[in-house]
Amino acid sequence: MSAPKTWDLVVIGGGSAGLIAATTAAGLGASVLLVERHRLGGDCLWTGCVPSKALIAAARRERAHDAAGRAADRPAAHDAADPASGAVSRDARFAAAMTAVRAAIAAIEPHDAAPTLERSGVAVRMGEARFTSARSLDVGGQEVRFRRAIVATGASPAPLRIDGADDVRIRTSDDLWELERLPERLVIVGGGPVGCELGQAMARLGAQVTIVHRGERLLPKEDAVASGIVADALRADGVDLRLGRAATAVRSHDGTAGELVLDDGEAVPFDVLLAAVGRASRPAALALEAAGVRTDAAGSIVVDASLRTSAPGIWAAGEVAGLPRYTHTAGVSGSVAATNAVLGLRRAFDAARTPRVTFTAPEVASIGVQPEGVDPRRHRVLEQLHADTDRAIADGETSGSTRIVVDRRGRILGGTIVGPRAGETMGELALAVQAGLTTGDLTAATHPYPTYSDALWNAAIDDVRHRLGRGAPAAAIRMLRGLAARRGR
C-alpha cells in the first residue's frame, strides 16, 4: 500500500472465513486486501481447533500409557503412592501436552502467514479496521477504498455473568493455553462441545474435573443417545458431571482459586475456573453504522441467503454473520461470499446441512435431520450398533452407533454417528445429504473392510433390502426369479 488504491475487494478478518474469502477472490482475478487486527489464522489456529485437538491427542496418548502401566501391574503416573511424585508427574505430562500444542500451531501457522497469502495474490495489512463509508475504511489512520467488502471478524468466548465474576480470573478457550501447570481442580461451566472436549482431555492428563451444565444432558444440540454415550465416557475418565445445575456466584480470596456456587447452594472448589458458555460476535469497533450495515440483537451482522448485508457491496461470512460456529462453516461461507462479491452472483449458503463434530472419545458427528423425534410416517431411522461392526469389535470400541434418517424414497436426509473417527465417516454422510443421494447410491459403492464406515454402508444395505422386499420391487424380483427358474429347466 505504497500509494492509494481502490481495491476490488477488502476482507476484514484473517480467520478461516477471511482467509478463504481472500484467496478465493484472488483466484478469481480480483485485487484483494486482507486486514487483520491481531494475528493471521484466527481462533481456529491459535485458541480453537488446532490447540484443542493437539491437547486431545496428547491426553489420549497419556491414557494409553496409563492403561499399559496398569496392564503391567505398575501404578499409573497420577496414581503414584507419593502425592508429591504424582503432582510432579502430572505437571510433566501437562508440560509435554502443551509442548505438543505449540508444535502443532507452529507447524500449521505458515499455511496462514502473510507470505503464503501474498503468493496467492492477497495483500495483507495488519491494523484495526473501521468503516468510514460504504466504500471506505480507516486502517491505522490511513484510508482504504474498495468496491466490495467482506466482514469476517468472527466471534469470541461469551463471558460468565454471575455474581463475583469480576473478582476472579475466569479462563476461556482463548487463554486456557496460557496455563503453565495442570490445575489440580478444574471446574468448567458449560457442557457443550468445548466444555466436554477440554474437560475430558484435562481429566485424562490428571486434573480433577467438574462440569457444571444447566441442561439435563450434555451436548444439547445432539440427541439423547449420543449425549448419554458421551456422558458415560466422561464419567469413566473421572469427570464429575453436575447436570441440571446453574452457576449463580463465584467466590475467591486470591483472584484465582475459589468456589463456584450452584443454584442448589452447593459450593464447588476450584483452582482454575473455565467458562465454556458459548460465543458472541462483537463487531461494534468496526463502525458498521457508517457503512449502513445492520446487526441483530445478539450483535451478529444481518445477512440474506447469499450472505449480503443491508449495505450494497458488503457481505459477511462466518460467526460474525450468525452462522453455525464451526471452522468448516466459516471457510465455505467465506468462499460463497467472495464468489458472490467478485462475480456478482447470488449463490445461497445452506447452513441447514452443516455437519458438526465433537471430538470427545468417542466422537459425535451429526448432520441434517436427526434421528430423535422424526415422523415415522415420513422417515425411517436406520441404526447399526458398533457392537455389530467388525472394526469396532476388533478395536474394542463398541459403545457407539451409526444412525441415518431416510425418506420414503430412500433419500438420505441426515444422521448421527457416535464412535472413534466419527468425524471421518461424516464426510461420506455429508456428501450423501448434500447431493441428495439414496441408500442405493451408497450400497453401489464398494467400501473398504474393516472400517468404521462399514456401519454406514450396512445401514444403507438394510434399507435397500427392506425396499426390495416390498411393493413393486418385490413383485419384480419374484417375476425375475420365476423366469430364471424356467430358463434353468
Protein backbone atom coordinates (compact mmCIF):
# COMPACT_ATOMS: atom_id res chain seq x y z
CA MET A 1 0.00 0.00 0.00
CA SER A 2 2.64 2.48 -1.03
CA ALA A 3 0.02 4.53 -2.89
CA PRO A 4 -3.75 4.99 -2.59
CA LYS A 5 -5.70 2.35 -4.49
CA THR A 6 -9.29 1.24 -4.84
CA TRP A 7 -9.32 -2.47 -4.15
CA ASP A 8 -11.76 -4.80 -5.88
CA LEU A 9 -12.33 -6.49 -2.52
CA VAL A 10 -11.33 -5.81 1.05
CA VAL A 11 -11.70 -8.65 3.54
CA ILE A 12 -11.77 -7.72 7.23
CA GLY A 13 -10.63 -10.56 9.45
CA GLY A 14 -7.85 -13.10 9.00
CA GLY A 15 -9.52 -16.19 10.45
CA SER A 16 -10.90 -19.14 8.50
CA ALA A 17 -13.70 -17.22 6.78
CA GLY A 18 -11.48 -14.29 5.86
CA LEU A 19 -8.59 -16.37 4.64
CA ILE A 20 -10.76 -18.49 2.35
CA ALA A 21 -12.68 -15.43 1.14
CA ALA A 22 -9.47 -13.58 0.28
CA THR A 23 -7.76 -16.44 -1.54
CA THR A 24 -10.96 -17.34 -3.39
CA ALA A 25 -11.37 -13.77 -4.63
CA ALA A 26 -7.72 -13.52 -5.63
CA GLY A 27 -8.07 -16.78 -7.52
CA LEU A 28 -10.92 -15.18 -9.49
CA GLY A 29 -8.62 -12.36 -10.54
CA ALA A 30 -9.69 -9.66 -8.10
CA SER A 31 -7.29 -7.30 -6.36
CA VAL A 32 -7.69 -8.23 -2.69
CA LEU A 33 -6.60 -6.65 0.57
CA LEU A 34 -6.92 -8.63 3.78
CA VAL A 35 -6.99 -6.59 7.00
CA GLU A 36 -6.33 -8.32 10.34
CA ARG A 37 -6.02 -6.58 13.69
CA HIS A 38 -4.20 -9.27 15.71
CA ARG A 39 -2.73 -12.35 14.08
CA LEU A 40 -3.50 -14.33 10.94
CA GLY A 41 -5.11 -17.72 11.35
CA GLY A 42 -7.85 -16.67 13.74
CA ASP A 43 -9.20 -18.59 16.70
CA CYS A 44 -9.04 -21.93 14.89
CA LEU A 45 -5.25 -21.82 14.67
CA TRP A 46 -4.35 -20.11 17.92
CA THR A 47 -7.01 -20.97 20.51
CA GLY A 48 -9.55 -23.32 18.93
CA CYS A 49 -9.39 -26.30 16.62
CA VAL A 50 -5.64 -26.77 16.37
CA PRO A 51 -4.60 -26.47 20.04
CA SER A 52 -7.65 -28.32 21.35
CA LYS A 53 -7.16 -31.27 19.01
CA ALA A 54 -3.45 -31.37 19.84
CA LEU A 55 -4.34 -31.40 23.55
CA ILE A 56 -6.91 -34.14 23.00
CA ALA A 57 -4.34 -36.23 21.13
CA ALA A 58 -1.76 -35.75 23.90
CA ALA A 59 -4.32 -36.74 26.52
CA ARG A 60 -5.25 -39.83 24.50
CA ARG A 61 -1.61 -40.88 24.42
CA GLU A 62 -1.32 -40.39 28.19
CA ARG A 63 -4.42 -42.51 28.75
CA ALA A 64 -2.93 -45.25 26.59
CA HIS A 65 0.29 -45.10 28.61
CA ASP A 66 -1.68 -45.34 31.84
CA ALA A 67 -3.59 -48.33 30.54
CA ALA A 68 -0.33 -50.03 29.57
CA GLY A 69 1.03 -49.31 33.04
CA ARG A 70 -1.98 -50.87 34.74
CA ALA A 71 -1.77 -53.88 32.44
CA ALA A 72 1.83 -54.35 33.56
CA ASP A 73 0.77 -54.17 37.24
CA ARG A 74 2.57 -50.91 37.82
CA PRO A 75 0.77 -47.78 39.03
CA ALA A 76 -0.15 -45.09 36.54
CA ALA A 77 1.81 -41.88 36.95
CA HIS A 78 -1.01 -39.92 38.56
CA ASP A 79 -1.82 -42.83 40.89
CA ALA A 80 1.66 -42.90 42.41
CA ALA A 81 1.83 -43.60 46.13
CA ASP A 82 3.79 -40.44 46.76
CA PRO A 83 1.40 -37.47 46.24
CA ALA A 84 4.32 -35.15 45.54
CA SER A 85 5.63 -37.55 42.92
CA GLY A 86 2.17 -37.73 41.39
CA ALA A 87 1.96 -33.94 41.20
CA VAL A 88 5.36 -33.74 39.51
CA SER A 89 4.25 -36.39 37.05
CA ARG A 90 1.01 -34.54 36.31
CA ASP A 91 2.91 -31.33 35.71
CA ALA A 92 5.37 -33.16 33.46
CA ARG A 93 2.68 -34.70 31.35
CA PHE A 94 0.87 -31.37 31.11
CA ALA A 95 4.08 -29.64 30.04
CA ALA A 96 4.58 -32.30 27.37
CA ALA A 97 1.00 -31.83 26.19
CA MET A 98 1.40 -28.07 25.93
CA THR A 99 4.65 -28.55 24.02
CA ALA A 100 2.69 -30.68 21.56
CA VAL A 101 0.06 -27.94 21.32
CA ARG A 102 2.67 -25.30 20.49
CA ALA A 103 4.34 -27.62 17.98
CA ALA A 104 1.04 -28.17 16.15
CA ILE A 105 0.40 -24.43 15.97
CA ALA A 106 3.93 -23.79 14.71
CA ALA A 107 3.59 -26.45 12.01
CA ILE A 108 0.29 -25.07 10.68
CA GLU A 109 0.87 -21.33 11.14
CA PRO A 110 2.92 -20.92 7.91
CA HIS A 111 -0.12 -22.02 5.90
CA ASP A 112 -1.93 -18.86 7.06
CA ALA A 113 1.04 -16.49 7.16
CA ALA A 114 1.34 -13.28 5.13
CA PRO A 115 3.98 -14.63 2.71
CA THR A 116 1.71 -17.55 1.81
CA LEU A 117 -1.23 -15.21 1.23
CA GLU A 118 0.87 -12.84 -0.83
CA ARG A 119 1.98 -15.72 -3.07
CA SER A 120 -1.75 -16.34 -3.63
CA GLY A 121 -2.22 -12.75 -4.75
CA VAL A 122 -3.60 -11.37 -1.47
CA ALA A 123 -2.13 -8.20 0.03
CA VAL A 124 -2.08 -8.16 3.85
CA ARG A 125 -2.37 -5.17 6.16
CA MET A 126 -2.22 -5.50 9.96
CA GLY A 127 -4.29 -2.99 11.91
CA GLU A 128 -7.70 -2.03 13.26
CA ALA A 129 -10.32 -1.52 10.54
CA ARG A 130 -13.20 0.92 10.88
CA PHE A 131 -15.77 1.80 8.24
CA THR A 132 -15.91 5.46 7.26
CA SER A 133 -18.47 4.91 4.46
CA ALA A 134 -19.95 2.11 2.38
CA ARG A 135 -16.85 2.24 0.19
CA SER A 136 -14.03 3.19 2.53
CA LEU A 137 -12.23 2.09 5.68
CA ASP A 138 -9.81 3.62 8.12
CA VAL A 139 -6.98 1.19 8.85
CA GLY A 140 -4.47 2.50 11.36
CA GLY A 141 -5.13 6.10 10.36
CA GLN A 142 -4.92 5.50 6.62
CA GLU A 143 -7.83 5.50 4.20
CA VAL A 144 -8.54 2.31 2.24
CA ARG A 145 -11.04 2.45 -0.60
CA PHE A 146 -12.81 -0.58 -2.05
CA ARG A 147 -15.53 -1.65 -4.47
CA ARG A 148 -16.68 -4.62 -2.39
CA ALA A 149 -16.03 -5.77 1.16
CA ILE A 150 -16.50 -8.90 3.26
CA VAL A 151 -16.66 -8.74 7.06
CA ALA A 152 -15.28 -11.93 8.61
CA THR A 153 -14.24 -10.89 12.11
CA GLY A 154 -15.56 -14.00 13.87
CA ALA A 155 -16.63 -14.17 17.49
CA SER A 156 -15.09 -14.65 20.91
CA PRO A 157 -15.99 -16.66 24.02
CA ALA A 158 -19.01 -15.31 25.86
CA PRO A 159 -18.30 -14.16 29.43
CA LEU A 160 -19.70 -15.88 32.50
CA ARG A 161 -22.11 -13.35 34.00
CA ILE A 162 -22.65 -14.31 37.63
CA ASP A 163 -22.10 -12.61 40.98
CA GLY A 164 -18.42 -12.25 41.82
CA ALA A 165 -17.23 -12.87 38.25
CA ASP A 166 -15.31 -9.59 38.22
CA ASP A 167 -13.28 -10.62 41.27
CA VAL A 168 -11.73 -13.81 39.91
CA ARG A 169 -9.73 -14.85 36.84
CA ILE A 170 -12.16 -16.87 34.74
CA ARG A 171 -10.45 -18.67 31.90
CA THR A 172 -11.96 -19.27 28.46
CA SER A 173 -10.86 -21.24 25.44
CA ASP A 174 -8.90 -18.11 24.46
CA ASP A 175 -6.49 -18.11 27.39
CA LEU A 176 -6.58 -21.65 28.79
CA TRP A 177 -3.43 -22.21 26.75
CA GLU A 178 -1.50 -19.79 28.96
CA LEU A 179 -1.60 -22.22 31.90
CA GLU A 180 1.87 -23.35 32.93
CA ARG A 181 0.76 -26.07 35.33
CA LEU A 182 -2.08 -28.55 35.30
CA PRO A 183 -4.75 -27.39 37.76
CA GLU A 184 -5.50 -29.94 40.46
CA ARG A 185 -9.18 -28.96 40.44
CA LEU A 186 -10.68 -27.62 37.21
CA VAL A 187 -14.31 -26.53 37.14
CA ILE A 188 -15.93 -25.94 33.76
CA VAL A 189 -19.21 -24.10 33.33
CA GLY A 190 -20.89 -25.36 30.17
CA GLY A 191 -21.45 -28.85 28.81
CA GLY A 192 -21.33 -28.12 25.10
CA PRO A 193 -18.58 -29.30 22.73
CA VAL A 194 -15.85 -27.05 24.19
CA GLY A 195 -16.59 -27.99 27.79
CA CYS A 196 -16.78 -31.71 27.00
CA GLU A 197 -13.66 -31.81 24.83
CA LEU A 198 -11.43 -29.83 27.18
CA GLY A 199 -12.90 -31.44 30.29
CA GLN A 200 -12.17 -34.95 29.10
CA ALA A 201 -8.67 -34.05 27.90
CA MET A 202 -7.72 -32.34 31.17
CA ALA A 203 -9.11 -35.26 33.19
CA ARG A 204 -7.01 -37.68 31.18
CA LEU A 205 -3.97 -35.55 31.92
CA GLY A 206 -4.64 -35.91 35.64
CA ALA A 207 -6.84 -32.97 36.70
CA GLN A 208 -9.93 -33.39 38.89
CA VAL A 209 -12.57 -32.03 36.52
CA THR A 210 -16.12 -30.96 37.30
CA ILE A 211 -18.51 -29.85 34.55
CA VAL A 212 -21.49 -27.76 35.59
CA HIS A 213 -24.24 -27.67 32.98
CA ARG A 214 -27.69 -26.14 33.35
CA GLY A 215 -29.28 -28.59 30.92
CA GLU A 216 -30.35 -32.09 31.82
CA ARG A 217 -27.91 -33.57 29.32
CA LEU A 218 -24.58 -32.72 27.76
CA LEU A 219 -24.27 -31.60 24.13
CA PRO A 220 -27.81 -30.19 23.92
CA LYS A 221 -27.71 -29.96 20.11
CA GLU A 222 -27.25 -33.72 19.88
CA ASP A 223 -29.87 -36.37 20.60
CA ALA A 224 -30.25 -38.21 23.88
CA VAL A 225 -28.48 -41.38 22.71
CA ALA A 226 -25.33 -39.52 21.68
CA SER A 227 -25.39 -37.35 24.78
CA GLY A 228 -25.72 -40.35 27.05
CA ILE A 229 -22.78 -42.17 25.48
CA VAL A 230 -20.54 -39.11 25.88
CA ALA A 231 -21.67 -38.60 29.48
CA ASP A 232 -20.79 -42.20 30.31
CA ALA A 233 -17.38 -41.80 28.64
CA LEU A 234 -16.60 -38.63 30.60
CA ARG A 235 -17.60 -40.24 33.88
CA ALA A 236 -15.39 -43.22 33.05
CA ASP A 237 -12.50 -40.76 32.68
CA GLY A 238 -13.23 -39.36 36.14
CA VAL A 239 -15.18 -36.22 35.18
CA ASP A 240 -17.76 -35.17 37.77
CA LEU A 241 -20.92 -34.08 35.92
CA ARG A 242 -23.34 -31.68 37.61
CA LEU A 243 -26.25 -31.70 35.18
CA GLY A 244 -29.36 -29.61 35.62
CA ARG A 245 -27.39 -27.18 37.78
CA ALA A 246 -26.73 -23.49 37.17
CA ALA A 247 -23.82 -21.43 38.47
CA THR A 248 -25.09 -18.44 40.47
CA ALA A 249 -21.96 -16.94 42.03
CA VAL A 250 -18.23 -17.32 42.39
CA ARG A 251 -16.13 -16.60 45.47
CA SER A 252 -12.37 -16.18 45.62
CA HIS A 253 -9.85 -14.82 48.14
CA ASP A 254 -6.86 -14.58 45.81
CA GLY A 255 -8.48 -13.82 42.45
CA THR A 256 -7.60 -17.23 41.03
CA ALA A 257 -8.82 -20.17 43.12
CA GLY A 258 -12.13 -20.26 44.93
CA GLU A 259 -15.60 -21.78 44.95
CA LEU A 260 -18.36 -21.86 42.35
CA VAL A 261 -21.78 -21.58 44.00
CA LEU A 262 -24.58 -23.55 42.34
CA ASP A 263 -28.30 -22.88 42.37
CA ASP A 264 -28.86 -25.59 44.99
CA GLY A 265 -26.42 -23.87 47.36
CA GLU A 266 -23.52 -26.27 46.85
CA ALA A 267 -20.05 -24.68 46.64
CA VAL A 268 -17.69 -26.48 44.25
CA PRO A 269 -14.00 -25.69 44.91
CA PHE A 270 -11.65 -24.95 42.04
CA ASP A 271 -8.07 -23.96 41.31
CA VAL A 272 -9.00 -22.87 37.79
CA LEU A 273 -12.47 -21.89 36.58
CA LEU A 274 -13.19 -22.23 32.85
CA ALA A 275 -16.22 -20.66 31.17
CA ALA A 276 -17.47 -22.56 28.11
CA VAL A 277 -20.87 -20.91 27.73
CA GLY A 278 -20.88 -20.13 24.03
CA ARG A 279 -19.51 -17.43 21.76
CA ALA A 280 -20.63 -13.92 20.86
CA SER A 281 -19.95 -11.56 17.97
CA ARG A 282 -18.77 -8.06 18.88
CA PRO A 283 -18.35 -6.04 15.67
CA ALA A 284 -19.04 -2.63 17.28
CA ALA A 285 -15.46 -1.45 16.77
CA LEU A 286 -15.94 -1.70 13.01
CA ALA A 287 -18.37 1.27 12.99
CA LEU A 288 -20.75 -0.71 10.80
CA GLU A 289 -23.35 2.03 11.02
CA ALA A 290 -21.11 4.27 8.88
CA ALA A 291 -21.49 1.75 6.05
CA GLY A 292 -25.19 1.08 6.62
CA VAL A 293 -24.66 -2.49 7.84
CA ARG A 294 -27.34 -3.70 10.26
CA THR A 295 -26.83 -6.06 13.19
CA ASP A 296 -29.34 -8.06 15.24
CA ALA A 297 -29.95 -8.08 18.98
CA ALA A 298 -27.17 -10.62 19.51
CA GLY A 299 -24.64 -8.43 17.70
CA SER A 300 -24.43 -10.59 14.59
CA ILE A 301 -24.49 -8.96 11.16
CA VAL A 302 -27.80 -9.48 9.39
CA VAL A 303 -27.33 -11.22 6.02
CA ASP A 304 -29.59 -12.69 3.36
CA ALA A 305 -29.27 -16.19 1.91
CA SER A 306 -26.38 -15.04 -0.31
CA LEU A 307 -24.57 -13.55 2.72
CA ARG A 308 -25.11 -9.97 1.52
CA THR A 309 -25.66 -7.40 4.26
CA SER A 310 -28.06 -4.47 4.31
CA ALA A 311 -25.37 -2.37 2.60
CA PRO A 312 -24.96 -2.89 -1.15
CA GLY A 313 -21.46 -4.11 -1.86
CA ILE A 314 -20.79 -5.55 1.62
CA TRP A 315 -21.07 -9.21 2.58
CA ALA A 316 -20.39 -11.07 5.84
CA ALA A 317 -19.21 -14.62 6.48
CA GLY A 318 -18.58 -16.95 9.40
CA GLU A 319 -19.51 -16.38 13.02
CA VAL A 320 -19.97 -12.63 12.71
CA ALA A 321 -22.88 -13.36 10.36
CA GLY A 322 -24.56 -15.58 12.95
CA LEU A 323 -23.75 -18.79 11.05
CA PRO A 324 -23.05 -22.13 12.78
CA ARG A 325 -19.86 -21.70 14.76
CA TYR A 326 -17.57 -24.16 13.03
CA THR A 327 -14.37 -23.61 11.11
CA HIS A 328 -15.62 -25.51 8.07
CA THR A 329 -18.78 -23.37 8.05
CA ALA A 330 -16.62 -20.26 8.16
CA GLY A 331 -14.48 -21.44 5.27
CA VAL A 332 -17.33 -22.43 2.98
CA SER A 333 -19.31 -19.27 3.75
CA GLY A 334 -16.19 -17.21 3.04
CA SER A 335 -15.89 -18.85 -0.37
CA VAL A 336 -19.58 -18.27 -1.14
CA ALA A 337 -19.40 -14.62 -0.07
CA ALA A 338 -16.26 -13.99 -2.13
CA THR A 339 -17.67 -15.62 -5.25
CA ASN A 340 -20.86 -13.60 -4.94
CA ALA A 341 -18.98 -10.37 -4.31
CA VAL A 342 -16.48 -10.72 -7.15
CA LEU A 343 -18.72 -12.27 -9.79
CA GLY A 344 -21.99 -10.57 -8.91
CA LEU A 345 -23.76 -13.85 -8.19
CA ARG A 346 -26.47 -14.67 -5.66
CA ARG A 347 -25.38 -18.15 -4.61
CA ALA A 348 -27.08 -19.20 -1.39
CA PHE A 349 -25.24 -20.60 1.60
CA ASP A 350 -27.06 -23.62 3.07
CA ALA A 351 -26.45 -23.60 6.81
CA ALA A 352 -29.09 -26.28 7.45
CA ARG A 353 -26.86 -29.05 6.10
CA THR A 354 -23.76 -28.13 8.06
CA PRO A 355 -22.03 -31.14 9.64
CA ARG A 356 -20.70 -30.86 13.18
CA VAL A 357 -18.26 -32.97 15.19
CA THR A 358 -17.50 -33.04 18.89
CA PHE A 359 -14.02 -34.51 19.33
CA THR A 360 -14.55 -36.33 22.59
CA ALA A 361 -13.76 -40.02 22.93
CA PRO A 362 -15.98 -41.30 21.43
CA GLU A 363 -16.55 -38.61 18.82
CA VAL A 364 -20.05 -37.38 17.96
CA ALA A 365 -20.77 -36.35 14.37
CA SER A 366 -24.14 -35.27 13.01
CA ILE A 367 -25.81 -33.53 10.08
CA GLY A 368 -29.25 -32.65 8.80
CA VAL A 369 -32.38 -34.37 10.09
CA GLN A 370 -31.66 -36.06 13.39
CA PRO A 371 -32.96 -39.49 14.49
CA GLU A 372 -34.65 -38.21 17.63
CA GLY A 373 -38.30 -37.32 17.18
CA VAL A 374 -38.68 -37.98 13.44
CA ASP A 375 -42.13 -38.62 11.99
CA PRO A 376 -42.31 -42.37 11.26
CA ARG A 377 -44.93 -41.70 8.58
CA ARG A 378 -42.36 -39.77 6.56
CA HIS A 379 -38.96 -41.02 7.70
CA ARG A 380 -37.17 -44.19 8.68
CA VAL A 381 -34.28 -44.34 11.14
CA LEU A 382 -31.67 -46.95 10.23
CA GLU A 383 -29.30 -47.96 13.00
CA GLN A 384 -26.14 -50.03 13.11
CA LEU A 385 -24.69 -50.61 16.55
CA HIS A 386 -20.91 -50.58 16.67
CA ALA A 387 -21.19 -53.70 18.80
CA ASP A 388 -22.07 -55.35 15.46
CA THR A 389 -19.38 -53.55 13.44
CA ASP A 390 -16.28 -55.67 12.88
CA ARG A 391 -13.71 -52.88 13.09
CA ALA A 392 -15.21 -51.59 16.35
CA ILE A 393 -15.17 -55.12 17.76
CA ALA A 394 -11.54 -55.59 16.73
CA ASP A 395 -10.60 -52.25 18.33
CA GLY A 396 -12.63 -52.89 21.48
CA GLU A 397 -14.55 -49.62 20.89
CA THR A 398 -18.14 -50.83 20.63
CA SER A 399 -20.16 -48.30 22.65
CA GLY A 400 -21.27 -46.17 19.69
CA SER A 401 -23.64 -46.46 16.75
CA THR A 402 -24.39 -45.11 13.30
CA ARG A 403 -27.95 -43.91 12.67
CA ILE A 404 -29.21 -42.33 9.48
CA VAL A 405 -32.57 -40.82 8.57
CA VAL A 406 -34.10 -41.54 5.14
CA ASP A 407 -37.34 -40.57 3.49
CA ARG A 408 -39.80 -42.94 1.83
CA ARG A 409 -37.75 -42.95 -1.38
CA GLY A 410 -34.57 -43.89 0.44
CA ARG A 411 -33.06 -40.40 0.13
CA ILE A 412 -30.59 -39.73 2.97
CA LEU A 413 -31.60 -36.67 4.99
CA GLY A 414 -29.18 -36.75 7.93
CA GLY A 415 -27.93 -38.78 10.84
CA THR A 416 -25.68 -39.13 13.86
CA ILE A 417 -22.53 -41.20 14.28
CA VAL A 418 -21.02 -41.87 17.72
CA GLY A 419 -17.70 -43.62 17.89
CA PRO A 420 -14.00 -43.43 17.01
CA ARG A 421 -13.31 -41.47 13.83
CA ALA A 422 -16.95 -40.44 13.56
CA GLY A 423 -15.79 -37.17 12.02
CA GLU A 424 -14.06 -39.07 9.22
CA THR A 425 -17.13 -41.16 8.38
CA MET A 426 -19.20 -37.96 8.50
CA GLY A 427 -17.53 -36.84 5.27
CA GLU A 428 -19.35 -39.55 3.32
CA LEU A 429 -22.65 -38.90 5.09
CA ALA A 430 -22.32 -35.15 4.49
CA LEU A 431 -21.77 -35.78 0.77
CA ALA A 432 -24.82 -38.03 0.66
CA VAL A 433 -27.02 -35.39 2.31
CA GLN A 434 -25.66 -32.54 0.18
CA ALA A 435 -26.01 -34.43 -3.10
CA GLY A 436 -29.41 -35.94 -2.29
CA LEU A 437 -28.09 -39.49 -2.57
CA THR A 438 -30.15 -42.55 -1.68
CA THR A 439 -29.24 -45.63 0.29
CA GLY A 440 -29.00 -47.41 -3.07
CA ASP A 441 -26.30 -44.99 -4.14
CA LEU A 442 -24.28 -45.79 -1.02
CA THR A 443 -24.64 -49.55 -1.43
CA ALA A 444 -23.47 -49.31 -5.05
CA ALA A 445 -20.05 -48.07 -3.91
CA THR A 446 -17.70 -50.79 -2.66
CA HIS A 447 -16.44 -49.84 0.79
CA PRO A 448 -13.10 -50.99 2.23
CA TYR A 449 -13.18 -53.54 5.04
CA PRO A 450 -12.83 -53.41 8.01
CA THR A 451 -13.56 -49.76 8.75
CA TYR A 452 -15.98 -47.80 10.90
CA SER A 453 -17.69 -46.76 7.65
CA ASP A 454 -18.99 -50.32 7.44
CA ALA A 455 -21.73 -49.28 9.85
CA LEU A 456 -22.95 -46.56 7.47
CA TRP A 457 -22.77 -48.93 4.50
CA ASN A 458 -24.61 -51.71 6.32
CA ALA A 459 -27.33 -49.32 7.45
CA ALA A 460 -27.83 -48.40 3.79
CA ILE A 461 -27.84 -52.09 2.79
CA ASP A 462 -30.55 -52.82 5.37
CA ASP A 463 -32.72 -50.09 3.88
CA VAL A 464 -32.25 -51.35 0.32
CA ARG A 465 -33.16 -54.88 1.37
CA HIS A 466 -36.22 -53.52 3.16
CA ARG A 467 -37.36 -51.73 -0.01
CA LEU A 468 -36.67 -54.72 -2.25
CA GLY A 469 -38.95 -56.83 -0.06
CA ARG A 470 -41.98 -54.57 -0.51
CA GLY A 471 -44.36 -53.46 -3.27
CA ALA A 472 -43.35 -53.31 -6.91
CA PRO A 473 -39.66 -54.21 -6.34
CA ALA A 474 -40.69 -57.39 -4.51
CA ALA A 475 -43.10 -58.32 -7.31
CA ALA A 476 -40.42 -57.70 -9.93
CA ILE A 477 -37.96 -59.87 -8.04
CA ARG A 478 -40.49 -62.71 -7.83
CA MET A 479 -41.14 -62.47 -11.56
CA LEU A 480 -37.43 -62.44 -12.46
CA ARG A 481 -36.78 -65.35 -10.11
CA GLY A 482 -39.52 -67.33 -11.78
CA LEU A 483 -38.21 -66.56 -15.25
CA ALA A 484 -34.71 -67.59 -14.25
CA ALA A 485 -36.05 -70.84 -12.80
CA ARG A 486 -37.90 -71.71 -16.02
CA ARG A 487 -34.83 -70.98 -18.14
CA GLY A 488 -32.83 -73.29 -15.96
CA ARG A 489 -35.10 -76.31 -16.55
